[in-house]
Amino acid sequence: MKLPISSAVLCALAATFCFSQETSDPWPKTAVIEPAALAATLKSGKAPIVISVAFPVLYRSKHILHAIDAGPGSKPEGIELLKKAVASYPKDADIVIYCGCCPMVKCPNIRPAFRTLKELGFTHIRVLSIPANMHDDWYTKDYPSEDGPAANSGD
């Protein structure tokens, strides 16, 4: 009899953990943009402001075409770079942030960056959906990318 009770408790805990992960995102589901949709938008010429909140080594290696490097959203210096990167943009600017260091559900950078932009008063922030990582979800699909640091990086 102990086994079914233990299994039930474990299932309940697992369900609680899964639901808490799902509701911990600071953005609404409508703020998530899929890679194919962003790639199409970038190719259309009506590109949003794309900001990388990944670790600098990832940005310097390869990044989305014309993305701005704002540093890791999990670090105070990254948040400061993010604030500087968006300082000259209007609060209704179309902004897409991404990291891609790992699956988005585990990413340490994307949530603090999103919260910071909200706190700064930006009203049109979207988050690029990266279920696995940038390599699998963007680069292998030949979406618009560039190697090395860009001229408009936040460095």
N, C-alpha and C. Protein backbone atom coordinates (compact mmCIF):
# COMPACT_ATOMS: atom_id res chain seq x y z
N MET A 1 0.81 -1.21 0.00
CA MET A 1 0.00 0.00 0.00
C MET A 1 0.85 1.27 0.00
N LYS A 2 2.05 1.19 0.53
CA LYS A 2 2.91 2.37 0.53
C LYS A 2 3.30 2.78 -0.88
N LEU A 3 3.51 1.83 -1.75
CA LEU A 3 3.95 2.13 -3.11
C LEU A 3 2.94 3.00 -3.87
N PRO A 4 1.65 2.69 -3.89
CA PRO A 4 0.71 3.56 -4.61
C PRO A 4 0.65 4.97 -4.02
N ILE A 5 0.74 5.08 -2.71
CA ILE A 5 0.72 6.41 -2.10
C ILE A 5 1.96 7.19 -2.50
N SER A 6 3.11 6.54 -2.47
CA SER A 6 4.36 7.20 -2.87
C SER A 6 4.31 7.61 -4.33
N SER A 7 3.79 6.75 -5.18
CA SER A 7 3.67 7.07 -6.60
C SER A 7 2.73 8.25 -6.82
N ALA A 8 1.64 8.28 -6.09
CA ALA A 8 0.68 9.38 -6.21
C ALA A 8 1.32 10.69 -5.77
N VAL A 9 2.07 10.64 -4.69
CA VAL A 9 2.75 11.85 -4.20
C VAL A 9 3.77 12.33 -5.22
N LEU A 10 4.55 11.41 -5.77
CA LEU A 10 5.54 11.78 -6.78
C LEU A 10 4.88 12.37 -8.02
N CYS A 11 3.79 11.79 -8.46
CA CYS A 11 3.06 12.33 -9.62
C CYS A 11 2.53 13.73 -9.33
N ALA A 12 2.01 13.92 -8.14
CA ALA A 12 1.50 15.24 -7.76
C ALA A 12 2.62 16.27 -7.73
N LEU A 13 3.76 15.89 -7.17
CA LEU A 13 4.90 16.80 -7.13
C LEU A 13 5.41 17.12 -8.53
N ALA A 14 5.48 16.11 -9.37
CA ALA A 14 5.93 16.33 -10.75
C ALA A 14 4.97 17.26 -11.49
N ALA A 15 3.68 17.05 -11.31
CA ALA A 15 2.69 17.91 -11.96
C ALA A 15 2.80 19.34 -11.46
N THR A 16 3.00 19.50 -10.16
CA THR A 16 3.16 20.83 -9.59
C THR A 16 4.39 21.51 -10.17
N PHE A 17 5.49 20.77 -10.28
CA PHE A 17 6.71 21.34 -10.84
C PHE A 17 6.49 21.76 -12.28
N CYS A 18 5.85 20.92 -13.07
CA CYS A 18 5.61 21.25 -14.48
C CYS A 18 4.73 22.49 -14.62
N PHE A 19 3.67 22.55 -13.83
CA PHE A 19 2.79 23.71 -13.91
C PHE A 19 3.49 24.97 -13.42
N SER A 20 4.33 24.86 -12.40
CA SER A 20 5.03 26.05 -11.91
C SER A 20 6.02 26.54 -12.95
N GLN A 21 6.65 25.63 -13.71
CA GLN A 21 7.55 26.03 -14.78
C GLN A 21 6.78 26.78 -15.87
N GLU A 22 5.61 26.26 -16.20
CA GLU A 22 4.82 26.85 -17.27
C GLU A 22 4.36 28.27 -16.91
N THR A 23 4.01 28.51 -15.68
CA THR A 23 3.51 29.82 -15.28
C THR A 23 4.62 30.77 -14.85
N SER A 24 5.87 30.33 -14.83
CA SER A 24 6.95 31.20 -14.37
C SER A 24 7.44 32.15 -15.46
N ASP A 25 7.00 31.95 -16.70
CA ASP A 25 7.41 32.86 -17.76
C ASP A 25 6.74 34.21 -17.56
N PRO A 26 7.52 35.30 -17.63
CA PRO A 26 6.95 36.63 -17.42
C PRO A 26 6.23 37.18 -18.64
N TRP A 27 6.22 36.46 -19.73
CA TRP A 27 5.58 36.92 -20.96
C TRP A 27 4.32 36.11 -21.25
N PRO A 28 3.36 36.73 -21.94
CA PRO A 28 2.19 35.96 -22.38
C PRO A 28 2.57 35.08 -23.57
N LYS A 29 1.79 34.06 -23.82
CA LYS A 29 2.07 33.15 -24.95
C LYS A 29 2.11 33.90 -26.28
N THR A 30 1.34 34.97 -26.37
CA THR A 30 1.31 35.75 -27.61
C THR A 30 2.61 36.50 -27.86
N ALA A 31 3.47 36.59 -26.88
CA ALA A 31 4.75 37.29 -27.03
C ALA A 31 5.86 36.38 -27.54
N VAL A 32 5.55 35.12 -27.77
CA VAL A 32 6.56 34.17 -28.25
C VAL A 32 6.49 34.12 -29.78
N ILE A 33 7.63 34.29 -30.42
CA ILE A 33 7.69 34.21 -31.88
C ILE A 33 8.52 32.98 -32.27
N GLU A 34 8.02 32.24 -33.22
CA GLU A 34 8.70 31.04 -33.68
C GLU A 34 9.86 31.42 -34.62
N PRO A 35 10.91 30.62 -34.66
CA PRO A 35 12.05 30.93 -35.52
C PRO A 35 11.69 31.17 -36.99
N ALA A 36 10.84 30.34 -37.56
CA ALA A 36 10.47 30.52 -38.97
C ALA A 36 9.78 31.86 -39.21
N ALA A 37 8.96 32.29 -38.27
CA ALA A 37 8.26 33.57 -38.40
C ALA A 37 9.24 34.74 -38.32
N LEU A 38 10.20 34.67 -37.40
CA LEU A 38 11.19 35.75 -37.30
C LEU A 38 12.07 35.76 -38.55
N ALA A 39 12.48 34.60 -39.02
CA ALA A 39 13.31 34.53 -40.22
C ALA A 39 12.59 35.17 -41.41
N ALA A 40 11.31 34.88 -41.57
CA ALA A 40 10.53 35.47 -42.66
C ALA A 40 10.44 36.98 -42.52
N THR A 41 10.26 37.45 -41.30
CA THR A 41 10.18 38.89 -41.04
C THR A 41 11.51 39.56 -41.37
N LEU A 42 12.61 38.94 -40.98
CA LEU A 42 13.93 39.51 -41.27
C LEU A 42 14.17 39.60 -42.77
N LYS A 43 13.70 38.62 -43.50
CA LYS A 43 13.88 38.61 -44.96
C LYS A 43 12.96 39.60 -45.66
N SER A 44 11.88 40.01 -45.00
CA SER A 44 10.89 40.90 -45.61
C SER A 44 11.34 42.36 -45.63
N GLY A 45 12.34 42.69 -44.85
CA GLY A 45 12.81 44.07 -44.80
C GLY A 45 12.16 44.89 -43.70
N LYS A 46 11.18 44.34 -42.99
CA LYS A 46 10.52 45.05 -41.89
C LYS A 46 10.99 44.44 -40.57
N ALA A 47 12.28 44.38 -40.41
CA ALA A 47 12.87 43.68 -39.27
C ALA A 47 12.65 44.41 -37.95
N PRO A 48 12.35 43.66 -36.91
CA PRO A 48 12.29 44.24 -35.57
C PRO A 48 13.72 44.47 -35.06
N ILE A 49 13.83 45.08 -33.93
CA ILE A 49 15.12 45.20 -33.25
C ILE A 49 15.36 43.85 -32.59
N VAL A 50 16.41 43.17 -32.97
CA VAL A 50 16.72 41.84 -32.43
C VAL A 50 17.89 41.99 -31.47
N ILE A 51 17.70 41.50 -30.25
CA ILE A 51 18.72 41.64 -29.21
C ILE A 51 19.09 40.28 -28.65
N SER A 52 20.38 40.00 -28.69
CA SER A 52 20.90 38.77 -28.09
C SER A 52 21.20 39.04 -26.62
N VAL A 53 20.63 38.21 -25.76
CA VAL A 53 20.91 38.31 -24.32
C VAL A 53 21.68 37.07 -23.86
N ALA A 54 22.43 36.50 -24.81
CA ALA A 54 23.23 35.29 -24.56
C ALA A 54 24.60 35.68 -24.01
N PHE A 55 25.34 34.66 -23.65
CA PHE A 55 26.71 34.88 -23.20
C PHE A 55 27.54 35.38 -24.39
N PRO A 56 28.46 36.32 -24.17
CA PRO A 56 29.20 36.95 -25.27
C PRO A 56 29.90 35.97 -26.21
N VAL A 57 30.42 34.88 -25.69
CA VAL A 57 31.12 33.91 -26.55
C VAL A 57 30.17 33.35 -27.61
N LEU A 58 28.91 33.18 -27.28
CA LEU A 58 27.93 32.68 -28.25
C LEU A 58 27.66 33.72 -29.32
N TYR A 59 27.49 34.97 -28.91
CA TYR A 59 27.23 36.05 -29.86
C TYR A 59 28.42 36.22 -30.80
N ARG A 60 29.63 36.23 -30.23
CA ARG A 60 30.83 36.45 -31.05
C ARG A 60 31.06 35.31 -32.04
N SER A 61 30.59 34.14 -31.72
CA SER A 61 30.73 33.00 -32.62
C SER A 61 29.78 33.12 -33.81
N LYS A 62 28.51 33.33 -33.53
CA LYS A 62 27.49 33.44 -34.57
C LYS A 62 26.22 33.99 -33.93
N HIS A 63 25.45 34.76 -34.68
CA HIS A 63 24.22 35.33 -34.14
C HIS A 63 23.25 35.65 -35.28
N ILE A 64 22.04 35.98 -34.90
CA ILE A 64 21.02 36.38 -35.87
C ILE A 64 21.48 37.65 -36.57
N LEU A 65 21.23 37.71 -37.86
CA LEU A 65 21.65 38.84 -38.68
C LEU A 65 21.21 40.17 -38.07
N HIS A 66 22.15 41.07 -37.91
CA HIS A 66 21.94 42.43 -37.38
C HIS A 66 21.53 42.48 -35.91
N ALA A 67 21.65 41.36 -35.20
CA ALA A 67 21.29 41.36 -33.77
C ALA A 67 22.26 42.22 -32.98
N ILE A 68 21.74 42.83 -31.95
CA ILE A 68 22.53 43.64 -31.03
C ILE A 68 22.95 42.75 -29.86
N ASP A 69 24.21 42.83 -29.49
CA ASP A 69 24.71 42.06 -28.35
C ASP A 69 24.48 42.86 -27.07
N ALA A 70 23.66 42.32 -26.18
CA ALA A 70 23.40 43.00 -24.91
C ALA A 70 23.99 42.23 -23.74
N GLY A 71 24.71 41.17 -24.00
CA GLY A 71 25.30 40.40 -22.90
C GLY A 71 24.27 39.55 -22.19
N PRO A 72 24.73 38.73 -21.26
CA PRO A 72 23.83 37.79 -20.59
C PRO A 72 22.84 38.47 -19.66
N GLY A 73 21.57 38.17 -19.85
CA GLY A 73 20.52 38.75 -19.02
C GLY A 73 20.55 38.30 -17.58
N SER A 74 21.32 37.26 -17.28
CA SER A 74 21.40 36.77 -15.90
C SER A 74 22.45 37.51 -15.08
N LYS A 75 23.22 38.37 -15.72
CA LYS A 75 24.31 39.08 -15.03
C LYS A 75 23.99 40.58 -14.96
N PRO A 76 24.34 41.23 -13.86
CA PRO A 76 24.09 42.68 -13.75
C PRO A 76 24.71 43.47 -14.91
N GLU A 77 25.91 43.09 -15.33
CA GLU A 77 26.54 43.81 -16.44
C GLU A 77 25.78 43.60 -17.75
N GLY A 78 25.16 42.44 -17.91
CA GLY A 78 24.34 42.19 -19.09
C GLY A 78 23.08 43.04 -19.08
N ILE A 79 22.48 43.18 -17.92
CA ILE A 79 21.28 44.02 -17.79
C ILE A 79 21.63 45.48 -18.09
N GLU A 80 22.79 45.93 -17.62
CA GLU A 80 23.22 47.30 -17.92
C GLU A 80 23.44 47.50 -19.42
N LEU A 81 24.07 46.51 -20.07
CA LEU A 81 24.25 46.58 -21.52
C LEU A 81 22.91 46.60 -22.25
N LEU A 82 21.97 45.82 -21.76
CA LEU A 82 20.63 45.80 -22.35
C LEU A 82 19.98 47.18 -22.24
N LYS A 83 20.07 47.78 -21.07
CA LYS A 83 19.50 49.12 -20.87
C LYS A 83 20.13 50.13 -21.83
N LYS A 84 21.44 50.06 -22.00
CA LYS A 84 22.13 50.97 -22.93
C LYS A 84 21.71 50.70 -24.37
N ALA A 85 21.55 49.42 -24.70
CA ALA A 85 21.21 49.04 -26.08
C ALA A 85 19.84 49.58 -26.50
N VAL A 86 18.91 49.68 -25.56
CA VAL A 86 17.55 50.12 -25.92
C VAL A 86 17.27 51.57 -25.56
N ALA A 87 18.23 52.25 -24.98
CA ALA A 87 18.00 53.61 -24.48
C ALA A 87 17.48 54.58 -25.54
N SER A 88 17.90 54.43 -26.78
CA SER A 88 17.50 55.39 -27.81
C SER A 88 16.24 54.97 -28.58
N TYR A 89 15.67 53.84 -28.24
CA TYR A 89 14.48 53.37 -28.96
C TYR A 89 13.20 53.83 -28.28
N PRO A 90 12.15 54.08 -29.08
CA PRO A 90 10.86 54.45 -28.47
C PRO A 90 10.28 53.26 -27.70
N LYS A 91 9.46 53.54 -26.72
CA LYS A 91 8.90 52.49 -25.86
C LYS A 91 8.00 51.53 -26.62
N ASP A 92 7.50 51.93 -27.79
CA ASP A 92 6.66 51.02 -28.57
C ASP A 92 7.44 50.33 -29.69
N ALA A 93 8.76 50.36 -29.62
CA ALA A 93 9.60 49.70 -30.63
C ALA A 93 9.32 48.20 -30.63
N ASP A 94 9.42 47.62 -31.80
CA ASP A 94 9.23 46.17 -31.98
C ASP A 94 10.56 45.50 -31.64
N ILE A 95 10.61 44.82 -30.49
CA ILE A 95 11.84 44.21 -30.00
C ILE A 95 11.66 42.70 -29.86
N VAL A 96 12.64 41.96 -30.36
CA VAL A 96 12.69 40.51 -30.17
C VAL A 96 13.98 40.20 -29.44
N ILE A 97 13.86 39.48 -28.31
CA ILE A 97 15.05 39.06 -27.58
C ILE A 97 15.21 37.55 -27.72
N TYR A 98 16.46 37.13 -27.67
CA TYR A 98 16.73 35.69 -27.72
C TYR A 98 18.03 35.39 -26.99
N CYS A 99 18.17 34.14 -26.59
CA CYS A 99 19.42 33.68 -26.00
C CYS A 99 19.91 32.48 -26.79
N GLY A 100 19.34 31.31 -26.54
CA GLY A 100 19.72 30.12 -27.28
C GLY A 100 20.88 29.34 -26.72
N CYS A 101 21.30 29.67 -25.49
CA CYS A 101 22.40 28.94 -24.87
C CYS A 101 21.99 27.52 -24.51
N CYS A 102 20.70 27.32 -24.35
CA CYS A 102 20.15 26.04 -23.91
C CYS A 102 18.65 26.07 -24.20
N PRO A 103 17.91 25.02 -23.89
CA PRO A 103 16.46 25.09 -24.10
C PRO A 103 15.86 26.29 -23.35
N MET A 104 14.94 26.97 -24.00
CA MET A 104 14.35 28.18 -23.43
C MET A 104 13.76 27.97 -22.04
N VAL A 105 13.21 26.79 -21.79
CA VAL A 105 12.60 26.55 -20.48
C VAL A 105 13.64 26.58 -19.35
N LYS A 106 14.92 26.38 -19.68
CA LYS A 106 15.98 26.38 -18.67
C LYS A 106 16.86 27.62 -18.73
N CYS A 107 16.63 28.48 -19.69
CA CYS A 107 17.53 29.60 -19.96
C CYS A 107 17.61 30.58 -18.78
N PRO A 108 18.82 30.88 -18.31
CA PRO A 108 18.97 31.81 -17.20
C PRO A 108 18.93 33.28 -17.64
N ASN A 109 18.98 33.55 -18.94
CA ASN A 109 19.13 34.92 -19.43
C ASN A 109 17.86 35.58 -19.94
N ILE A 110 16.96 34.82 -20.50
CA ILE A 110 15.83 35.40 -21.22
C ILE A 110 14.80 36.05 -20.29
N ARG A 111 14.51 35.44 -19.17
CA ARG A 111 13.49 35.98 -18.26
C ARG A 111 13.92 37.30 -17.61
N PRO A 112 15.14 37.40 -17.07
CA PRO A 112 15.55 38.69 -16.51
C PRO A 112 15.58 39.80 -17.57
N ALA A 113 15.98 39.46 -18.80
CA ALA A 113 16.01 40.46 -19.86
C ALA A 113 14.60 40.93 -20.20
N PHE A 114 13.66 40.01 -20.31
CA PHE A 114 12.27 40.38 -20.60
C PHE A 114 11.72 41.27 -19.49
N ARG A 115 11.93 40.86 -18.25
CA ARG A 115 11.44 41.66 -17.11
C ARG A 115 12.03 43.07 -17.13
N THR A 116 13.31 43.17 -17.44
CA THR A 116 13.96 44.49 -17.48
C THR A 116 13.32 45.37 -18.54
N LEU A 117 13.10 44.83 -19.72
CA LEU A 117 12.48 45.63 -20.78
C LEU A 117 11.08 46.07 -20.39
N LYS A 118 10.33 45.20 -19.75
CA LYS A 118 8.99 45.57 -19.26
C LYS A 118 9.08 46.69 -18.23
N GLU A 119 10.02 46.54 -17.28
CA GLU A 119 10.19 47.57 -16.25
C GLU A 119 10.60 48.91 -16.85
N LEU A 120 11.32 48.88 -17.97
CA LEU A 120 11.72 50.11 -18.64
C LEU A 120 10.57 50.74 -19.42
N GLY A 121 9.46 50.02 -19.53
CA GLY A 121 8.28 50.57 -20.19
C GLY A 121 8.08 50.16 -21.64
N PHE A 122 8.87 49.22 -22.13
CA PHE A 122 8.68 48.77 -23.51
C PHE A 122 7.41 47.94 -23.60
N THR A 123 6.67 48.16 -24.68
CA THR A 123 5.34 47.57 -24.79
C THR A 123 5.21 46.50 -25.86
N HIS A 124 6.20 46.38 -26.73
CA HIS A 124 6.10 45.39 -27.82
C HIS A 124 7.36 44.51 -27.82
N ILE A 125 7.45 43.67 -26.79
CA ILE A 125 8.61 42.78 -26.62
C ILE A 125 8.17 41.37 -26.96
N ARG A 126 8.95 40.71 -27.79
CA ARG A 126 8.69 39.31 -28.08
C ARG A 126 9.93 38.49 -27.75
N VAL A 127 9.72 37.22 -27.53
CA VAL A 127 10.78 36.29 -27.17
C VAL A 127 10.86 35.23 -28.25
N LEU A 128 12.06 35.01 -28.79
CA LEU A 128 12.23 33.98 -29.80
C LEU A 128 12.18 32.61 -29.14
N SER A 129 11.32 31.75 -29.65
CA SER A 129 11.19 30.40 -29.12
C SER A 129 12.40 29.57 -29.54
N ILE A 130 13.13 29.10 -28.55
CA ILE A 130 14.30 28.25 -28.79
C ILE A 130 14.11 26.98 -27.96
N PRO A 131 13.43 25.97 -28.50
CA PRO A 131 13.18 24.76 -27.73
C PRO A 131 14.44 23.98 -27.37
N ALA A 132 15.46 24.00 -28.22
CA ALA A 132 16.69 23.23 -27.95
C ALA A 132 17.88 24.16 -27.75
N ASN A 133 18.34 24.79 -28.83
CA ASN A 133 19.47 25.73 -28.79
C ASN A 133 19.53 26.43 -30.15
N MET A 134 20.36 27.44 -30.26
CA MET A 134 20.44 28.21 -31.51
C MET A 134 20.90 27.34 -32.68
N HIS A 135 21.83 26.46 -32.43
CA HIS A 135 22.33 25.61 -33.51
C HIS A 135 21.20 24.82 -34.15
N ASP A 136 20.45 24.10 -33.32
CA ASP A 136 19.37 23.24 -33.84
C ASP A 136 18.16 24.03 -34.32
N ASP A 137 17.82 25.10 -33.63
CA ASP A 137 16.57 25.81 -33.91
C ASP A 137 16.71 26.97 -34.89
N TRP A 138 17.94 27.41 -35.20
CA TRP A 138 18.12 28.54 -36.10
C TRP A 138 19.18 28.28 -37.17
N TYR A 139 20.42 28.03 -36.74
CA TYR A 139 21.53 27.95 -37.69
C TYR A 139 21.41 26.79 -38.68
N THR A 140 21.00 25.61 -38.24
CA THR A 140 20.90 24.47 -39.15
C THR A 140 19.77 24.64 -40.16
N LYS A 141 18.89 25.59 -39.92
CA LYS A 141 17.77 25.85 -40.84
C LYS A 141 18.11 26.95 -41.83
N ASP A 142 19.34 27.41 -41.77
CA ASP A 142 19.83 28.44 -42.69
C ASP A 142 19.03 29.74 -42.60
N TYR A 143 18.60 30.07 -41.40
CA TYR A 143 17.93 31.35 -41.19
C TYR A 143 18.98 32.46 -41.17
N PRO A 144 18.59 33.72 -41.39
CA PRO A 144 19.55 34.82 -41.49
C PRO A 144 20.47 34.92 -40.26
N SER A 145 21.76 34.75 -40.51
CA SER A 145 22.76 34.74 -39.44
C SER A 145 24.04 35.39 -39.95
N GLU A 146 24.89 35.75 -39.01
CA GLU A 146 26.21 36.23 -39.37
C GLU A 146 27.22 35.77 -38.33
N ASP A 147 28.45 35.58 -38.79
CA ASP A 147 29.53 35.16 -37.91
C ASP A 147 30.22 36.37 -37.31
N GLY A 148 30.77 36.19 -36.12
CA GLY A 148 31.57 37.23 -35.49
C GLY A 148 30.76 38.40 -34.99
N PRO A 149 31.45 39.35 -34.37
CA PRO A 149 30.76 40.52 -33.82
C PRO A 149 30.23 41.41 -34.95
N ALA A 150 29.09 41.99 -34.72
CA ALA A 150 28.48 42.90 -35.69
C ALA A 150 28.85 44.33 -35.37
N ALA A 151 28.69 45.19 -36.33
CA ALA A 151 29.02 46.60 -36.13
C ALA A 151 28.11 47.27 -35.12
N ASN A 152 26.90 46.75 -34.95
CA ASN A 152 25.94 47.38 -34.03
C ASN A 152 25.83 46.65 -32.71
N SER A 153 26.88 45.92 -32.31
CA SER A 153 26.80 45.20 -31.04
C SER A 153 26.88 46.18 -29.88
N GLY A 154 26.38 45.75 -28.74
CA GLY A 154 26.35 46.60 -27.55
C GLY A 154 27.66 46.65 -26.81
N ASP A 155 28.73 46.01 -27.35
CA ASP A 155 30.04 46.01 -26.67
C ASP A 155 30.62 47.39 -26.57
